[in-house]
Amino acid sequence: MNDRFSKVEVEGYRIALLHGEETELLNTIIDSGYFNAVIHGHSHNKSIEKKEKTLAINPGELCGYLTGKSSLALLDTIKHEAKLIEL
């Protein structure tokens, strides 16, 4: 297994966690439709996108050392939505 990939299931809500430059792997995981949410990083570009039933979330960077802006994402597994928070 890739040491930059993990999966978590919370009360039937499937979440993939991926960090790294593996764009093809990231797109495959998102496109699979298996996960409710895919949380990914490395680029430090915060975003939330929905592809069919899958939320793709990049929380940006918590420390803010590259962009000068600290951010995180909150995922609501009940409402199936996420929001970005700037600190």
N, C-alpha and C. Protein backbone atom coordinates (compact mmCIF):
# COMPACT_ATOMS: atom_id res chain seq x y z
N MET A 1 0.83 -1.18 0.00
CA MET A 1 0.00 0.00 0.00
C MET A 1 0.88 1.25 0.00
N ASN A 2 0.41 2.26 -0.67
CA ASN A 2 1.10 3.54 -0.75
C ASN A 2 1.11 4.18 0.64
N ASP A 3 2.26 4.61 1.12
CA ASP A 3 2.33 5.21 2.46
C ASP A 3 1.76 6.62 2.49
N ARG A 4 1.30 7.14 1.38
CA ARG A 4 0.68 8.46 1.32
C ARG A 4 -0.84 8.35 1.16
N PHE A 5 -1.37 7.14 1.25
CA PHE A 5 -2.81 6.91 1.08
C PHE A 5 -3.36 6.15 2.28
N SER A 6 -4.53 6.57 2.72
CA SER A 6 -5.20 5.86 3.80
C SER A 6 -6.70 6.00 3.58
N LYS A 7 -7.46 5.13 4.21
CA LYS A 7 -8.92 5.24 4.12
C LYS A 7 -9.51 5.06 5.51
N VAL A 8 -10.62 5.77 5.72
CA VAL A 8 -11.31 5.76 7.00
C VAL A 8 -12.80 5.63 6.71
N GLU A 9 -13.48 4.86 7.53
CA GLU A 9 -14.93 4.78 7.41
C GLU A 9 -15.55 5.15 8.75
N VAL A 10 -16.47 6.11 8.71
CA VAL A 10 -17.15 6.59 9.91
C VAL A 10 -18.65 6.41 9.69
N GLU A 11 -19.24 5.46 10.39
CA GLU A 11 -20.67 5.19 10.29
C GLU A 11 -21.12 5.07 8.84
N GLY A 12 -20.36 4.33 8.04
CA GLY A 12 -20.71 4.09 6.65
C GLY A 12 -20.25 5.17 5.68
N TYR A 13 -19.70 6.27 6.17
CA TYR A 13 -19.20 7.35 5.32
C TYR A 13 -17.74 7.08 5.02
N ARG A 14 -17.42 6.84 3.74
CA ARG A 14 -16.07 6.43 3.35
C ARG A 14 -15.23 7.64 2.94
N ILE A 15 -14.06 7.77 3.57
CA ILE A 15 -13.16 8.89 3.34
C ILE A 15 -11.80 8.36 2.91
N ALA A 16 -11.28 8.90 1.82
CA ALA A 16 -9.91 8.59 1.38
C ALA A 16 -9.03 9.77 1.74
N LEU A 17 -7.82 9.48 2.18
CA LEU A 17 -6.84 10.51 2.52
C LEU A 17 -5.61 10.27 1.66
N LEU A 18 -5.18 11.30 0.95
CA LEU A 18 -4.05 11.15 0.04
C LEU A 18 -3.19 12.39 0.08
N HIS A 19 -1.89 12.19 0.21
CA HIS A 19 -0.96 13.31 0.15
C HIS A 19 0.12 12.95 -0.86
N GLY A 20 0.42 13.86 -1.73
CA GLY A 20 1.49 13.61 -2.70
C GLY A 20 1.15 14.10 -4.08
N GLU A 21 2.07 13.85 -4.99
CA GLU A 21 1.96 14.33 -6.35
C GLU A 21 1.32 13.33 -7.31
N GLU A 22 0.76 12.26 -6.79
CA GLU A 22 0.21 11.20 -7.64
C GLU A 22 -1.14 11.62 -8.22
N THR A 23 -1.13 12.51 -9.20
CA THR A 23 -2.35 13.05 -9.78
C THR A 23 -3.21 11.96 -10.40
N GLU A 24 -2.59 11.01 -11.07
CA GLU A 24 -3.35 9.93 -11.70
C GLU A 24 -4.06 9.08 -10.64
N LEU A 25 -3.37 8.78 -9.55
CA LEU A 25 -3.98 8.03 -8.45
C LEU A 25 -5.12 8.83 -7.84
N LEU A 26 -4.90 10.11 -7.59
CA LEU A 26 -5.94 10.97 -7.02
C LEU A 26 -7.17 10.97 -7.91
N ASN A 27 -7.00 11.19 -9.19
CA ASN A 27 -8.14 11.22 -10.11
C ASN A 27 -8.85 9.87 -10.18
N THR A 28 -8.11 8.79 -10.13
CA THR A 28 -8.71 7.45 -10.15
C THR A 28 -9.56 7.23 -8.90
N ILE A 29 -9.05 7.64 -7.75
CA ILE A 29 -9.79 7.49 -6.49
C ILE A 29 -11.07 8.32 -6.53
N ILE A 30 -10.98 9.55 -6.98
CA ILE A 30 -12.16 10.41 -7.07
C ILE A 30 -13.17 9.84 -8.06
N ASP A 31 -12.69 9.45 -9.24
CA ASP A 31 -13.56 8.95 -10.30
C ASP A 31 -14.20 7.61 -9.98
N SER A 32 -13.61 6.86 -9.05
CA SER A 32 -14.15 5.54 -8.73
C SER A 32 -15.55 5.61 -8.15
N GLY A 33 -15.89 6.71 -7.48
CA GLY A 33 -17.19 6.83 -6.86
C GLY A 33 -17.34 6.01 -5.59
N TYR A 34 -16.29 5.32 -5.18
CA TYR A 34 -16.36 4.48 -3.99
C TYR A 34 -16.39 5.31 -2.71
N PHE A 35 -15.66 6.41 -2.70
CA PHE A 35 -15.54 7.22 -1.50
C PHE A 35 -16.54 8.37 -1.52
N ASN A 36 -17.07 8.69 -0.36
CA ASN A 36 -17.93 9.85 -0.21
C ASN A 36 -17.11 11.13 -0.26
N ALA A 37 -15.92 11.09 0.32
CA ALA A 37 -15.02 12.24 0.32
C ALA A 37 -13.58 11.79 0.11
N VAL A 38 -12.85 12.57 -0.64
CA VAL A 38 -11.43 12.36 -0.86
C VAL A 38 -10.73 13.63 -0.40
N ILE A 39 -9.92 13.50 0.64
CA ILE A 39 -9.19 14.64 1.18
C ILE A 39 -7.74 14.50 0.73
N HIS A 40 -7.24 15.52 0.05
CA HIS A 40 -5.90 15.43 -0.53
C HIS A 40 -5.12 16.71 -0.28
N GLY A 41 -3.84 16.62 -0.39
CA GLY A 41 -2.99 17.77 -0.13
C GLY A 41 -1.83 17.85 -1.10
N HIS A 42 -0.76 18.40 -0.64
CA HIS A 42 0.52 18.56 -1.32
C HIS A 42 0.60 19.85 -2.13
N SER A 43 -0.43 20.20 -2.87
CA SER A 43 -0.35 21.40 -3.72
C SER A 43 -0.56 22.69 -2.92
N HIS A 44 -1.13 22.61 -1.75
CA HIS A 44 -1.43 23.78 -0.90
C HIS A 44 -2.48 24.70 -1.52
N ASN A 45 -3.16 24.24 -2.57
CA ASN A 45 -4.22 25.01 -3.22
C ASN A 45 -5.57 24.55 -2.68
N LYS A 46 -6.16 25.34 -1.81
CA LYS A 46 -7.40 24.92 -1.18
C LYS A 46 -8.55 24.90 -2.18
N SER A 47 -9.38 23.86 -2.07
CA SER A 47 -10.51 23.73 -2.97
C SER A 47 -11.48 22.67 -2.44
N ILE A 48 -12.73 22.83 -2.86
CA ILE A 48 -13.74 21.81 -2.64
C ILE A 48 -14.47 21.64 -3.96
N GLU A 49 -14.49 20.42 -4.47
CA GLU A 49 -15.18 20.13 -5.72
C GLU A 49 -16.04 18.90 -5.51
N LYS A 50 -17.13 18.82 -6.24
CA LYS A 50 -17.98 17.64 -6.16
C LYS A 50 -18.02 16.98 -7.53
N LYS A 51 -17.70 15.70 -7.57
CA LYS A 51 -17.78 14.94 -8.80
C LYS A 51 -18.74 13.80 -8.55
N GLU A 52 -19.92 13.93 -9.13
CA GLU A 52 -21.03 13.02 -8.85
C GLU A 52 -21.27 12.99 -7.35
N LYS A 53 -21.09 11.86 -6.67
CA LYS A 53 -21.37 11.82 -5.23
C LYS A 53 -20.13 12.05 -4.36
N THR A 54 -18.98 12.25 -4.97
CA THR A 54 -17.73 12.36 -4.21
C THR A 54 -17.28 13.80 -4.05
N LEU A 55 -17.03 14.19 -2.79
CA LEU A 55 -16.43 15.49 -2.51
C LEU A 55 -14.92 15.35 -2.57
N ALA A 56 -14.26 16.20 -3.32
CA ALA A 56 -12.80 16.24 -3.37
C ALA A 56 -12.38 17.51 -2.63
N ILE A 57 -11.63 17.32 -1.55
CA ILE A 57 -11.31 18.44 -0.66
C ILE A 57 -9.80 18.59 -0.52
N ASN A 58 -9.32 19.78 -0.82
CA ASN A 58 -7.94 20.13 -0.51
C ASN A 58 -8.02 21.26 0.51
N PRO A 59 -7.63 21.01 1.76
CA PRO A 59 -7.79 22.02 2.80
C PRO A 59 -6.78 23.17 2.74
N GLY A 60 -5.88 23.15 1.79
CA GLY A 60 -4.85 24.19 1.72
C GLY A 60 -3.70 23.85 2.64
N GLU A 61 -3.22 24.83 3.38
CA GLU A 61 -2.10 24.57 4.28
C GLU A 61 -2.37 25.18 5.65
N LEU A 62 -2.31 24.36 6.64
CA LEU A 62 -2.58 24.80 8.00
C LEU A 62 -1.51 25.77 8.50
N CYS A 63 -0.27 25.50 8.16
CA CYS A 63 0.82 26.32 8.69
C CYS A 63 0.97 27.64 7.94
N GLY A 64 0.54 27.72 6.70
CA GLY A 64 0.59 28.97 5.94
C GLY A 64 1.97 29.42 5.51
N TYR A 65 2.97 28.55 5.55
CA TYR A 65 4.33 29.02 5.25
C TYR A 65 4.60 29.23 3.76
N LEU A 66 3.84 28.63 2.87
CA LEU A 66 4.07 28.86 1.44
C LEU A 66 3.20 29.99 0.89
N THR A 67 1.93 29.99 1.27
CA THR A 67 1.00 30.98 0.73
C THR A 67 0.81 32.17 1.65
N GLY A 68 1.23 32.04 2.91
CA GLY A 68 0.99 33.09 3.88
C GLY A 68 -0.41 33.08 4.44
N LYS A 69 -1.22 32.07 4.02
CA LYS A 69 -2.60 31.96 4.48
C LYS A 69 -2.82 30.58 5.08
N SER A 70 -3.16 30.54 6.36
CA SER A 70 -3.46 29.28 7.03
C SER A 70 -4.91 28.92 6.79
N SER A 71 -5.16 27.67 6.46
CA SER A 71 -6.54 27.24 6.23
C SER A 71 -6.70 25.78 6.60
N LEU A 72 -7.96 25.41 6.77
CA LEU A 72 -8.33 24.02 7.02
C LEU A 72 -9.71 23.81 6.44
N ALA A 73 -10.15 22.56 6.39
CA ALA A 73 -11.48 22.25 5.89
C ALA A 73 -12.24 21.48 6.96
N LEU A 74 -13.53 21.79 7.07
CA LEU A 74 -14.42 21.06 7.96
C LEU A 74 -15.35 20.22 7.11
N LEU A 75 -15.45 18.94 7.42
CA LEU A 75 -16.30 18.01 6.67
C LEU A 75 -17.47 17.60 7.55
N ASP A 76 -18.67 17.83 7.05
CA ASP A 76 -19.89 17.40 7.72
C ASP A 76 -20.36 16.12 7.02
N THR A 77 -20.17 14.99 7.68
CA THR A 77 -20.51 13.70 7.06
C THR A 77 -22.01 13.45 7.05
N ILE A 78 -22.76 14.15 7.87
CA ILE A 78 -24.22 14.00 7.87
C ILE A 78 -24.83 14.74 6.67
N LYS A 79 -24.42 16.00 6.49
CA LYS A 79 -24.94 16.82 5.38
C LYS A 79 -24.20 16.56 4.07
N HIS A 80 -23.09 15.84 4.13
CA HIS A 80 -22.25 15.57 2.96
C HIS A 80 -21.82 16.88 2.30
N GLU A 81 -21.21 17.75 3.13
CA GLU A 81 -20.70 19.00 2.62
C GLU A 81 -19.46 19.40 3.41
N ALA A 82 -18.69 20.27 2.83
CA ALA A 82 -17.46 20.73 3.48
C ALA A 82 -17.35 22.23 3.28
N LYS A 83 -16.59 22.85 4.17
CA LYS A 83 -16.32 24.27 4.00
C LYS A 83 -14.88 24.55 4.38
N LEU A 84 -14.32 25.54 3.71
CA LEU A 84 -12.95 25.96 3.97
C LEU A 84 -12.96 27.08 4.99
N ILE A 85 -12.02 27.02 5.91
CA ILE A 85 -11.90 28.02 6.96
C ILE A 85 -10.49 28.62 6.88
N GLU A 86 -10.43 29.95 6.76
CA GLU A 86 -9.13 30.62 6.83
C GLU A 86 -8.90 31.04 8.27
N LEU A 87 -7.69 30.80 8.75
CA LEU A 87 -7.37 31.12 10.14
C LEU A 87 -6.63 32.44 10.23
